[in-house]
Amino acid sequence: MKRKKFMLAITFLFLLSILITGCSETAAAIPETAEEQSVESSTEEDVAPEAGEALVDSPTCQAIEFPDSFTIKEPQDIVIGYVKRFEWKPQQTSDFQQACDELGIECVYGDDMFQLIDQGVSAIIQDADYISVDGIAGAVNSAWEKGIPVFVLNAVPSEMNHAYTVSIDYNQWAAISLEWMAEKMGGEGEMVLVYPGMNLPYMDGIEKFLAKYPDIIPVEQKTDIYNAHDDLQSDVVNFVNTYPDLKAIWTTEQINRVYWGLGDAGIAVEDYPLIVTAANTEGLDMWIHKMEEDPNFESIAVVDPAGVAYDTVYAAYYLLTGYPINDAALGGENCTTLSVPIPVITSENLEEWWAAYKPLGISYDIWLNEFMTPEMIREQWFLEK
């Protein structure tokens, strides 16, 4: 009987050891099997990094590769062509010419890129906006095939990787004033947004703002087809009468008409909703006068500088004389944008900007401006030869 009990005990211990060994081997195999399955079945985006593991940097942009017809030039052989599209941006032409004069290079003007290509220019600067830019794709390709660099101002040609864009970051441009309003509003309250147009270059900035501040309620949004020139001033009167708790009016079009509409509504300056100010001398003049009525009045003006024409002449000059564009300086929709700084005017620096621009006159057409320095352009956008 004792022998039977002893044998049963031995058998039980033997079976238990097998069971424990098998479980431990299975447990040890699970992480490896799960990892293998994860690698095989997941895309790169699906696999989350381990805690403390650095995220892999996304691929960098790459400078445009030109055919062999592109050659480095001596300064005296450089001819830069400029296609102007908009008469309401007179400063841009003078900015372009100022850079040409500083460099002592020849600069010419053309009705379109094909005319300048036929003239055999060394590089082309094309004035544009987000509406007109997609119509230049054919001309850009023709220039590229002949080794002529093209720099587009203020807009990115869709699916076009043969031209550089020199511009502000428009999503950042919109976000600056929107974030300023959100801070002043305490992150909540009623707001009107006016941003008419299709395929706007700052739509991502607006959408991210609305998602970030769910307690800011857009009680009115004027988008797509909206005539801000004819309707905004009277609509501002309706806004403040319809929404007595309205905290802000944000617009990208006909900004000065918001000031006029509030005046038409008879609103005291101290009771104004938050508003943006146009980045021109007419806008600054309105701002100054409102501060005279109420020293606590605040606004913000975010500049889209016409000076990109000046900056771009220097960029073309450096490229033509052998400075390679720095891949790290490129970004934007097509990875071909060289971004310029965005000047911002607030109550803290308003007097400084007003002193600089008041002597130029009070006009909607005198836009605030700022150049990058030639040294800054070469250091930030280019590598050494």
Protein backbone atom coordinates (compact mmCIF):
# COMPACT_ATOMS: atom_id res chain seq x y z
CA MET A 1 0.00 0.00 0.00
CA LYS A 2 2.82 2.33 0.89
CA ARG A 3 4.61 1.33 -2.33
CA LYS A 4 1.46 2.17 -4.34
CA LYS A 5 1.17 5.54 -2.66
CA PHE A 6 4.84 6.19 -3.29
CA MET A 7 4.52 5.30 -6.98
CA LEU A 8 1.43 7.46 -7.33
CA ALA A 9 3.30 10.38 -5.79
CA ILE A 10 6.24 9.90 -8.19
CA THR A 11 3.84 9.74 -11.15
CA PHE A 12 2.03 12.87 -10.03
CA LEU A 13 5.30 14.80 -9.61
CA PHE A 14 6.47 13.65 -13.06
CA LEU A 15 3.26 14.76 -14.72
CA LEU A 16 3.34 18.07 -12.85
CA SER A 17 6.90 18.77 -14.02
CA ILE A 18 5.91 18.12 -17.64
CA LEU A 19 2.94 20.43 -17.28
CA ILE A 20 5.02 23.24 -15.74
CA THR A 21 7.78 22.89 -18.37
CA GLY A 22 5.26 22.99 -21.20
CA CYS A 23 3.52 26.06 -19.81
CA SER A 24 6.79 27.95 -19.35
CA GLU A 25 7.93 27.14 -22.90
CA THR A 26 4.56 28.27 -24.27
CA ALA A 27 4.67 31.48 -22.22
CA ALA A 28 8.21 32.18 -23.42
CA ALA A 29 7.15 31.70 -27.04
CA ILE A 30 4.15 34.09 -26.89
CA PRO A 31 6.03 37.45 -27.10
CA GLU A 32 8.12 36.28 -30.06
CA THR A 33 5.09 34.90 -31.87
CA ALA A 34 3.03 38.04 -31.20
CA GLU A 35 5.89 40.26 -32.36
CA GLU A 36 6.31 38.26 -35.55
CA GLN A 37 2.57 38.40 -36.22
CA SER A 38 2.56 42.17 -35.54
CA VAL A 39 5.40 42.81 -37.99
CA GLU A 40 3.79 40.65 -40.66
CA SER A 41 0.25 42.00 -40.35
CA SER A 42 0.76 45.69 -39.46
CA THR A 43 1.72 48.62 -41.61
CA GLU A 44 4.39 51.03 -40.42
CA GLU A 45 1.71 53.49 -39.30
CA ASP A 46 -0.08 50.81 -37.24
CA VAL A 47 2.90 49.94 -35.05
CA ALA A 48 3.08 52.26 -32.02
CA PRO A 49 6.58 53.00 -30.62
CA GLU A 50 7.57 51.58 -27.24
CA ALA A 51 7.55 53.99 -24.31
CA GLY A 52 10.58 56.24 -24.53
CA GLU A 53 11.35 55.19 -28.12
CA ALA A 54 12.00 58.10 -30.49
CA LEU A 55 9.67 58.43 -33.44
CA VAL A 56 11.35 57.93 -36.81
CA ASP A 57 11.68 61.22 -38.67
CA SER A 58 9.64 61.52 -41.84
CA PRO A 59 11.65 61.70 -45.09
CA THR A 60 13.07 65.13 -45.80
CA CYS A 61 12.18 67.19 -48.82
CA GLN A 62 14.62 67.25 -51.71
CA ALA A 63 15.75 70.12 -53.87
CA ILE A 64 14.53 70.17 -57.46
CA GLU A 65 16.79 68.33 -59.90
CA PHE A 66 17.31 70.23 -63.13
CA PRO A 67 18.37 68.81 -66.49
CA ASP A 68 21.87 69.36 -67.85
CA SER A 69 20.67 72.54 -69.54
CA PHE A 70 20.84 74.26 -66.14
CA THR A 71 24.27 75.80 -65.64
CA ILE A 72 25.95 77.88 -62.94
CA LYS A 73 26.41 81.49 -64.05
CA GLU A 74 28.62 84.45 -63.36
CA PRO A 75 26.75 87.43 -61.85
CA GLN A 76 27.24 89.55 -64.96
CA ASP A 77 25.53 86.87 -67.06
CA ILE A 78 22.39 86.58 -64.92
CA VAL A 79 19.04 87.82 -66.24
CA ILE A 80 16.00 87.36 -63.99
CA GLY A 81 12.52 87.70 -65.46
CA TYR A 82 9.39 88.72 -63.57
CA VAL A 83 5.75 88.06 -64.48
CA LYS A 84 3.43 90.39 -62.60
CA ARG A 85 -0.24 89.47 -62.39
CA PHE A 86 -1.85 91.84 -59.89
CA GLU A 87 -1.93 95.61 -60.15
CA TRP A 88 -3.16 95.90 -56.57
CA LYS A 89 0.25 94.79 -55.28
CA PRO A 90 2.45 97.66 -56.51
CA GLN A 91 4.98 97.18 -53.71
CA GLN A 92 5.86 93.74 -55.00
CA THR A 93 7.23 95.16 -58.25
CA SER A 94 9.30 97.81 -56.48
CA ASP A 95 10.57 95.16 -54.03
CA PHE A 96 11.63 92.99 -56.97
CA GLN A 97 13.48 95.87 -58.62
CA GLN A 98 15.15 96.92 -55.37
CA ALA A 99 16.80 93.51 -55.02
CA CYS A 100 17.91 93.59 -58.67
CA ASP A 101 19.47 97.02 -58.15
CA GLU A 102 21.25 95.93 -54.97
CA LEU A 103 22.77 92.94 -56.75
CA GLY A 104 23.59 94.90 -59.90
CA ILE A 105 22.03 92.26 -62.14
CA GLU A 106 19.80 92.59 -65.18
CA CYS A 107 16.09 92.09 -64.56
CA VAL A 108 13.34 92.13 -67.17
CA TYR A 109 9.55 91.98 -67.18
CA GLY A 110 7.27 89.77 -69.25
CA ASP A 111 3.58 89.22 -69.88
CA ASP A 112 3.93 85.50 -69.25
CA MET A 113 6.56 82.84 -68.67
CA PHE A 114 6.69 81.71 -72.29
CA GLN A 115 7.75 85.20 -73.35
CA LEU A 116 10.57 85.16 -70.81
CA ILE A 117 11.61 81.64 -71.81
CA ASP A 118 11.93 82.82 -75.41
CA GLN A 119 14.13 85.69 -74.20
CA GLY A 120 16.50 83.18 -72.63
CA VAL A 121 16.33 84.48 -69.07
CA SER A 122 18.33 82.72 -66.35
CA ALA A 123 15.43 82.38 -63.89
CA ILE A 124 11.77 83.38 -63.69
CA ILE A 125 9.79 84.82 -60.78
CA GLN A 126 6.04 84.34 -61.25
CA ASP A 127 3.50 86.38 -59.28
CA ALA A 128 0.49 84.24 -58.39
CA ASP A 129 -2.21 83.41 -55.88
CA TYR A 130 -4.02 80.22 -54.93
CA ILE A 131 -6.69 80.81 -57.62
CA SER A 132 -4.44 81.50 -60.62
CA VAL A 133 -1.46 79.30 -59.83
CA ASP A 134 -2.64 76.03 -61.37
CA GLY A 135 -2.84 77.66 -64.79
CA ILE A 136 0.96 77.98 -65.04
CA ALA A 137 1.84 74.27 -64.95
CA GLY A 138 2.62 74.01 -68.67
CA ALA A 139 4.89 77.04 -68.62
CA VAL A 140 6.70 75.77 -65.53
CA ASN A 141 7.46 72.47 -67.28
CA SER A 142 8.74 74.26 -70.36
CA ALA A 143 11.07 76.39 -68.26
CA TRP A 144 12.33 73.39 -66.28
CA GLU A 145 13.10 71.44 -69.48
CA LYS A 146 15.30 74.35 -70.59
CA GLY A 147 17.08 74.49 -67.23
CA ILE A 148 15.40 77.74 -66.14
CA PRO A 149 14.49 77.77 -62.42
CA VAL A 150 11.02 79.11 -61.65
CA PHE A 151 10.06 80.68 -58.33
CA VAL A 152 6.33 81.19 -57.68
CA LEU A 153 5.20 83.83 -55.20
CA ASN A 154 2.56 83.17 -52.52
CA ALA A 155 1.04 79.97 -53.94
CA VAL A 156 1.87 76.31 -54.52
CA PRO A 157 1.11 74.81 -57.96
CA SER A 158 -0.89 71.60 -57.42
CA GLU A 159 1.05 68.42 -58.17
CA MET A 160 3.85 70.51 -59.65
CA ASN A 161 7.36 69.69 -58.41
CA HIS A 162 9.37 71.69 -60.94
CA ALA A 163 8.97 75.13 -59.35
CA TYR A 164 9.87 76.57 -55.97
CA THR A 165 7.34 78.60 -53.99
CA VAL A 166 8.39 81.51 -51.78
CA SER A 167 5.63 82.30 -49.32
CA ILE A 168 4.48 82.52 -45.76
CA ASP A 169 2.89 79.43 -44.22
CA TYR A 170 -0.77 80.38 -44.66
CA ASN A 171 -2.04 77.91 -42.08
CA GLN A 172 0.29 79.51 -39.55
CA TRP A 173 -0.83 82.94 -40.75
CA ALA A 174 -4.46 82.11 -39.95
CA ALA A 175 -3.63 80.33 -36.70
CA ILE A 176 -1.80 83.34 -35.25
CA SER A 177 -4.87 85.59 -35.13
CA LEU A 178 -7.26 82.74 -34.30
CA GLU A 179 -5.14 81.67 -31.34
CA TRP A 180 -4.90 85.27 -30.16
CA MET A 181 -8.70 85.50 -30.18
CA ALA A 182 -9.09 82.15 -28.41
CA GLU A 183 -6.78 83.29 -25.62
CA LYS A 184 -8.66 86.58 -25.19
CA MET A 185 -11.97 84.68 -25.20
CA GLY A 186 -10.82 82.28 -22.52
CA GLY A 187 -11.37 79.40 -24.95
CA GLU A 188 -15.14 79.77 -25.12
CA GLY A 189 -17.95 81.92 -26.50
CA GLU A 190 -19.67 82.90 -29.74
CA MET A 191 -17.67 83.80 -32.80
CA VAL A 192 -18.25 84.77 -36.44
CA LEU A 193 -15.83 83.55 -39.13
CA VAL A 194 -15.67 84.97 -42.66
CA TYR A 195 -13.33 83.20 -45.09
CA PRO A 196 -14.95 82.96 -48.53
CA GLY A 197 -13.36 81.05 -51.39
CA MET A 198 -12.56 77.55 -52.56
CA ASN A 199 -9.35 75.57 -51.92
CA LEU A 200 -8.14 78.13 -49.42
CA PRO A 201 -4.47 77.75 -48.42
CA TYR A 202 -5.34 78.20 -44.74
CA MET A 203 -8.26 75.75 -44.42
CA ASP A 204 -6.25 73.29 -42.33
CA GLY A 205 -5.46 76.07 -39.87
CA ILE A 206 -9.14 76.96 -39.50
CA GLU A 207 -10.25 73.34 -39.11
CA LYS A 208 -7.60 72.60 -36.49
CA PHE A 209 -8.62 75.70 -34.55
CA LEU A 210 -12.31 74.69 -34.48
CA ALA A 211 -11.36 71.16 -33.40
CA LYS A 212 -9.05 72.45 -30.68
CA TYR A 213 -11.67 74.77 -29.13
CA PRO A 214 -15.02 72.95 -29.01
CA ASP A 215 -16.40 75.57 -26.60
CA ILE A 216 -15.91 78.34 -29.15
CA ILE A 217 -19.17 78.36 -31.11
CA PRO A 218 -19.09 79.62 -34.73
CA VAL A 219 -22.58 81.13 -34.80
CA GLU A 220 -22.02 82.38 -38.37
CA GLN A 221 -19.59 81.19 -41.04
CA LYS A 222 -19.41 82.97 -44.38
CA THR A 223 -17.60 80.65 -46.79
CA ASP A 224 -17.45 79.57 -50.42
CA ILE A 225 -19.52 82.10 -52.40
CA TYR A 226 -19.78 85.31 -50.38
CA ASN A 227 -19.34 88.91 -51.51
CA ALA A 228 -17.46 90.43 -48.59
CA HIS A 229 -16.95 93.69 -50.47
CA ASP A 230 -20.68 94.36 -50.79
CA ASP A 231 -22.15 92.48 -47.83
CA LEU A 232 -19.73 92.29 -44.92
CA GLN A 233 -20.21 95.81 -43.57
CA SER A 234 -23.99 95.48 -43.31
CA ASP A 235 -23.68 91.89 -42.08
CA VAL A 236 -21.51 93.07 -39.18
CA VAL A 237 -24.43 95.22 -38.03
CA ASN A 238 -26.66 92.13 -38.18
CA PHE A 239 -24.09 90.02 -36.32
CA VAL A 240 -23.87 92.30 -33.27
CA ASN A 241 -27.65 92.82 -33.17
CA THR A 242 -28.45 89.12 -33.54
CA TYR A 243 -25.81 87.84 -31.11
CA PRO A 244 -25.55 90.20 -28.12
CA ASP A 245 -22.95 87.89 -26.52
CA LEU A 246 -20.75 87.78 -29.62
CA LYS A 247 -17.10 87.75 -28.58
CA ALA A 248 -15.19 87.84 -31.87
CA ILE A 249 -15.41 88.48 -35.62
CA TRP A 250 -12.59 86.91 -37.65
CA THR A 251 -12.28 87.58 -41.36
CA THR A 252 -9.69 87.14 -44.08
CA GLU A 253 -11.48 89.38 -46.60
CA GLN A 254 -12.30 93.10 -46.56
CA ILE A 255 -11.10 93.34 -42.97
CA ASN A 256 -11.56 97.09 -42.66
CA ARG A 257 -15.29 96.71 -43.32
CA VAL A 258 -15.64 95.09 -39.89
CA TYR A 259 -14.51 98.39 -38.34
CA TRP A 260 -17.00 100.30 -40.49
CA GLY A 261 -19.82 97.89 -39.69
CA LEU A 262 -19.27 98.24 -35.95
CA GLY A 263 -19.34 102.00 -36.40
CA ASP A 264 -22.62 101.72 -38.32
CA ALA A 265 -24.05 99.61 -35.49
CA GLY A 266 -23.28 102.36 -32.98
CA ILE A 267 -21.29 100.03 -30.73
CA ALA A 268 -19.05 101.77 -28.20
CA VAL A 269 -15.39 100.84 -28.70
CA GLU A 270 -15.14 99.32 -25.23
CA ASP A 271 -17.97 96.95 -26.22
CA TYR A 272 -16.43 95.81 -29.53
CA PRO A 273 -16.04 92.08 -30.10
CA LEU A 274 -12.50 91.01 -30.80
CA ILE A 275 -11.52 91.85 -34.37
CA VAL A 276 -8.48 91.56 -36.60
CA THR A 277 -6.96 94.58 -38.35
CA ALA A 278 -5.91 94.76 -41.99
CA ALA A 279 -2.15 94.81 -42.41
CA ASN A 280 -2.14 98.08 -44.36
CA THR A 281 -1.85 101.73 -43.38
CA GLU A 282 -5.62 102.22 -43.55
CA GLY A 283 -6.03 99.41 -41.03
CA LEU A 284 -3.38 100.77 -38.67
CA ASP A 285 -4.97 104.22 -38.88
CA MET A 286 -8.33 102.77 -37.76
CA TRP A 287 -6.64 100.89 -34.93
CA ILE A 288 -4.87 104.03 -33.70
CA HIS A 289 -8.13 106.02 -33.71
CA LYS A 290 -9.95 103.32 -31.73
CA MET A 291 -7.18 103.37 -29.13
CA GLU A 292 -7.68 107.12 -28.83
CA GLU A 293 -11.34 106.43 -27.95
CA ASP A 294 -10.48 103.53 -25.66
CA PRO A 295 -6.84 103.05 -24.56
CA ASN A 296 -7.67 99.43 -23.66
CA PHE A 297 -8.75 98.57 -27.21
CA GLU A 298 -6.75 95.64 -28.61
CA SER A 299 -6.46 94.04 -32.02
CA ILE A 300 -3.96 92.09 -34.11
CA ALA A 301 -2.62 92.43 -37.65
CA VAL A 302 -0.81 89.49 -39.26
CA VAL A 303 1.30 90.44 -42.26
CA ASP A 304 1.49 88.61 -45.58
CA PRO A 305 4.57 90.52 -46.77
CA ALA A 306 4.88 91.68 -50.34
CA GLY A 307 8.61 91.50 -49.69
CA VAL A 308 8.72 87.90 -50.93
CA ALA A 309 9.53 89.34 -54.37
CA TYR A 310 12.69 90.87 -52.89
CA ASP A 311 13.55 87.66 -51.04
CA THR A 312 13.02 85.61 -54.19
CA VAL A 313 15.44 87.63 -56.33
CA TYR A 314 18.16 86.81 -53.84
CA ALA A 315 17.09 83.15 -53.75
CA ALA A 316 17.31 82.95 -57.55
CA TYR A 317 20.68 84.73 -57.53
CA TYR A 318 22.19 82.33 -54.98
CA LEU A 319 20.90 79.28 -56.85
CA LEU A 320 22.23 80.55 -60.19
CA THR A 321 25.66 81.29 -58.73
CA GLY A 322 26.11 77.79 -57.34
CA TYR A 323 24.66 77.68 -53.84
CA PRO A 324 22.66 74.43 -53.44
CA ILE A 325 19.24 74.75 -51.80
CA ASN A 326 19.15 73.17 -48.36
CA ASP A 327 16.67 70.27 -48.34
CA ALA A 328 15.89 71.02 -44.69
CA ALA A 329 14.60 74.50 -45.65
CA LEU A 330 11.90 73.05 -47.92
CA GLY A 331 8.35 72.20 -46.89
CA GLY A 332 4.76 72.82 -47.88
CA GLU A 333 2.25 70.87 -49.91
CA ASN A 334 4.70 69.81 -52.64
CA CYS A 335 7.83 69.89 -50.49
CA THR A 336 9.08 72.81 -52.61
CA THR A 337 8.19 75.84 -50.46
CA LEU A 338 10.72 78.22 -48.93
CA SER A 339 8.87 79.90 -46.07
CA VAL A 340 9.40 83.49 -45.00
CA PRO A 341 8.78 84.88 -41.49
CA ILE A 342 5.33 86.28 -40.62
CA PRO A 343 5.41 89.72 -38.97
CA VAL A 344 2.75 90.25 -36.29
CA ILE A 345 1.51 93.62 -35.00
CA THR A 346 -0.07 93.81 -31.55
CA SER A 347 -0.66 96.63 -29.10
CA GLU A 348 2.93 96.17 -27.90
CA ASN A 349 4.59 97.08 -31.22
CA LEU A 350 1.82 99.04 -32.96
CA GLU A 351 3.42 102.44 -32.35
CA GLU A 352 6.69 101.25 -33.89
CA TRP A 353 5.00 100.04 -37.09
CA TRP A 354 2.78 103.14 -37.24
CA ALA A 355 5.80 105.46 -37.01
CA ALA A 356 7.42 103.64 -39.92
CA TYR A 357 4.35 103.58 -42.18
CA LYS A 358 2.36 106.72 -41.36
CA PRO A 359 4.63 108.91 -43.55
CA LEU A 360 3.72 106.75 -46.57
CA GLY A 361 0.07 107.81 -46.38
CA ILE A 362 -3.23 106.25 -45.34
CA SER A 363 -4.32 103.79 -48.01
CA TYR A 364 -5.74 100.32 -48.45
CA ASP A 365 -3.02 99.74 -51.08
CA ILE A 366 -0.05 100.42 -48.80
CA TRP A 367 0.53 97.01 -47.26
CA LEU A 368 2.86 96.31 -44.38
CA ASN A 369 6.02 94.66 -45.55
CA GLU A 370 9.22 93.06 -44.37
CA PHE A 371 12.27 91.67 -46.17
CA MET A 372 14.53 88.87 -45.11
CA THR A 373 18.12 90.04 -45.16
CA PRO A 374 20.36 88.61 -47.91
CA GLU A 375 22.48 86.94 -45.23
CA MET A 376 19.42 85.34 -43.66
CA ILE A 377 18.24 84.04 -47.04
CA ARG A 378 21.59 82.42 -47.82
CA GLU A 379 22.06 80.96 -44.34
CA GLN A 380 18.52 79.61 -43.91
CA TRP A 381 17.75 78.37 -47.43
CA PHE A 382 21.11 77.37 -48.92
CA LEU A 383 24.19 75.25 -48.30
CA GLU A 384 27.72 76.43 -48.89
CA LYS A 385 29.20 75.87 -52.33
